[in-house]
C-alpha atoms as a PDB file:
ATOM      1  CA  MET A   1     -20.783  82.986  89.792  1.00  0.00           C
ATOM      2  CA  ILE A   2     -20.633  86.801  89.851  1.00  0.00           C
ATOM      3  CA  GLY A   3     -22.387  86.790  93.236  1.00  0.00           C
ATOM      4  CA  ASN A   4     -19.703  84.478  94.654  1.00  0.00           C
ATOM      5  CA  ILE A   5     -16.913  86.703  93.358  1.00  0.00           C
ATOM      6  CA  ILE A   6     -18.535  89.819  94.814  1.00  0.00           C
ATOM      7  CA  GLY A   7     -19.053  87.995  98.127  1.00  0.00           C
ATOM      8  CA  ILE A   8     -15.402  86.934  98.222  1.00  0.00           C
ATOM      9  CA  ILE A   9     -14.264  90.517  97.550  1.00  0.00           C
ATOM     10  CA  ILE A  10     -16.518  91.933 100.284  1.00  0.00           C
ATOM     11  CA  PHE A  11     -15.516  89.250 102.797  1.00  0.00           C
ATOM     12  CA  GLY A  12     -11.858  89.714 101.847  1.00  0.00           C
ATOM     13  CA  ALA A  13     -12.142  93.449 102.449  1.00  0.00           C
ATOM     14  CA  ILE A  14     -13.658  92.859 105.891  1.00  0.00           C
ATOM     15  CA  ILE A  15     -11.021  90.265 106.801  1.00  0.00           C
ATOM     16  CA  GLY A  16      -8.227  92.570 105.547  1.00  0.00           C
ATOM     17  CA  VAL A  17      -9.490  95.511 107.589  1.00  0.00           C
ATOM     18  CA  LEU A  18      -9.869  93.339 110.700  1.00  0.00           C
ATOM     19  CA  ALA A  19      -6.338  92.001 110.193  1.00  0.00           C
ATOM     20  CA  ARG A  20      -4.948  95.535 110.067  1.00  0.00           C
ATOM     21  CA  LEU A  21      -6.952  96.498 113.163  1.00  0.00           C
ATOM     22  CA  VAL A  22      -5.468  93.696 115.275  1.00  0.00           C
ATOM     23  CA  LEU A  23      -1.920  94.685 114.342  1.00  0.00           C
ATOM     24  CA  PRO A  24      -0.265  97.430 116.387  1.00  0.00           C
ATOM     25  CA  GLY A  25       0.765 100.644 114.678  1.00  0.00           C
ATOM     26  CA  LYS A  26       0.020 101.843 111.173  1.00  0.00           C
ATOM     27  CA  GLN A  27       0.550  99.583 108.189  1.00  0.00           C
ATOM     28  CA  ASN A  28       1.809 101.329 105.065  1.00  0.00           C
ATOM     29  CA  ILE A  29      -0.258  99.427 102.509  1.00  0.00           C
ATOM     30  CA  SER A  30      -3.021 100.576 100.176  1.00  0.00           C
ATOM     31  CA  GLY A  31      -6.688  99.764 100.452  1.00  0.00           C
ATOM     32  CA  VAL A  32      -6.552  97.580  97.355  1.00  0.00           C
ATOM     33  CA  LEU A  33      -3.663  95.580  98.797  1.00  0.00           C
ATOM     34  CA  THR A  34      -5.588  95.258 102.066  1.00  0.00           C
ATOM     35  CA  ILE A  35      -8.455  93.682 100.124  1.00  0.00           C
ATOM     36  CA  VAL A  36      -6.117  91.374  98.174  1.00  0.00           C
ATOM     37  CA  LEU A  37      -4.368  90.203 101.344  1.00  0.00           C
ATOM     38  CA  GLY A  38      -7.756  89.837 103.034  1.00  0.00           C
ATOM     39  CA  ILE A  39      -9.027  87.653 100.191  1.00  0.00           C
ATOM     40  CA  ALA A  40      -5.867  85.538 100.341  1.00  0.00           C
ATOM     41  CA  GLY A  41      -6.190  85.282 104.132  1.00  0.00           C
ATOM     42  CA  ALA A  42      -9.842  84.267 103.855  1.00  0.00           C
ATOM     43  CA  LEU A  43      -9.149  81.594 101.249  1.00  0.00           C
ATOM     44  CA  ILE A  44      -6.199  80.160 103.178  1.00  0.00           C
ATOM     45  CA  GLY A  45      -8.182  80.415 106.420  1.00  0.00           C
ATOM     46  CA  TYR A  46     -11.093  78.480 104.904  1.00  0.00           C
ATOM     47  CA  TRP A  47      -8.676  75.821 103.701  1.00  0.00           C
ATOM     48  CA  LEU A  48      -6.969  75.529 107.107  1.00  0.00           C
ATOM     49  CA  ALA A  49     -10.331  75.404 108.884  1.00  0.00           C
ATOM     50  CA  GLY A  50     -11.356  72.554 106.599  1.00  0.00           C
ATOM     51  CA  LEU A  51      -8.165  70.683 107.464  1.00  0.00           C
ATOM     52  CA  LEU A  52      -8.872  71.189 111.168  1.00  0.00           C
ATOM     53  CA  GLY A  53     -12.463  70.019 110.762  1.00  0.00           C
ATOM     54  CA  VAL A  54     -14.069  73.336 111.722  1.00  0.00           C
ATOM     55  CA  GLY A  55     -14.842  74.580 108.212  1.00  0.00           C
ATOM     56  CA  ASN A  56     -18.574  73.867 108.273  1.00  0.00           C
ATOM     57  CA  THR A  57     -20.385  74.216 111.551  1.00  0.00           C
ATOM     58  CA  LYS A  58     -23.929  75.207 112.451  1.00  0.00           C
ATOM     59  CA  GLY A  59     -24.412  78.945 112.564  1.00  0.00           C
ATOM     60  CA  ILE A  60     -21.597  81.421 112.114  1.00  0.00           C
ATOM     61  CA  ASP A  61     -18.174  79.859 111.715  1.00  0.00           C
ATOM     62  CA  TRP A  62     -16.310  82.020 114.235  1.00  0.00           C
ATOM     63  CA  ILE A  63     -13.283  79.745 114.361  1.00  0.00           C
ATOM     64  CA  ARG A  64     -12.934  79.772 110.567  1.00  0.00           C
ATOM     65  CA  ASP A  65     -13.286  83.555 110.509  1.00  0.00           C
ATOM     66  CA  LEU A  66     -10.729  83.964 113.310  1.00  0.00           C
ATOM     67  CA  ILE A  67      -8.276  81.754 111.433  1.00  0.00           C
ATOM     68  CA  SER A  68      -8.847  83.889 108.319  1.00  0.00           C
ATOM     69  CA  VAL A  69      -8.101  87.119 110.223  1.00  0.00           C
ATOM     70  CA  ILE A  70      -4.941  85.619 111.732  1.00  0.00           C
ATOM     71  CA  VAL A  71      -3.720  84.434 108.329  1.00  0.00           C
ATOM     72  CA  ALA A  72      -4.457  87.839 106.774  1.00  0.00           C
ATOM     73  CA  ALA A  73      -2.579  89.576 109.623  1.00  0.00           C
ATOM     74  CA  VAL A  74       0.408  87.308 109.007  1.00  0.00           C
ATOM     75  CA  LEU A  75       0.228  88.187 105.302  1.00  0.00           C
ATOM     76  CA  VAL A  76       0.179  91.926 106.111  1.00  0.00           C
ATOM     77  CA  VAL A  77       3.223  91.553 108.367  1.00  0.00           C
ATOM     78  CA  GLY A  78       4.927  89.377 105.750  1.00  0.00           C
ATOM     79  CA  TYR A  79       4.259  91.961 103.053  1.00  0.00           C
ATOM     80  CA  GLY A  80       5.763  94.671 105.262  1.00  0.00           C
ATOM     81  CA  SER A  81       8.823  92.530 105.912  1.00  0.00           C
ATOM     82  CA  ILE A  82       9.366  91.717 102.245  1.00  0.00           C
ATOM     83  CA  THR A  83       8.843  95.241 100.915  1.00  0.00           C
ATOM     84  CA  GLY A  84      10.463  97.071 103.815  1.00  0.00           C
ATOM     85  CA  LYS A  85       7.220  98.947 104.556  1.00  0.00           C
ATOM     86  CA  LYS A  86       7.298  98.653 108.318  1.00  0.00           C
ATOM     87  CA  THR A  87       4.566  99.670 110.715  1.00  0.00           C
ATOM     88  CA  ALA A  88       4.925 103.101 112.220  1.00  0.00           C
END
């Protein structure tokens, strides 16, 4: 159980950082919020990939991971829109 939680946090951090890298400009959000949005993006991405039938494939699930990064990027943009913290 603890191993799963730690894995989700690490994967969420990676997804959050990748989401911020694909967005142009600088995002004015903290590292902790990047991880939280990355975790949310990963969980939603996994769910969407399951709905699309690409959640469990042989090898690395690139499509699922790409969906997770896209969802996390949308969450980062959405957070900036809601809070008024625009990209520079």
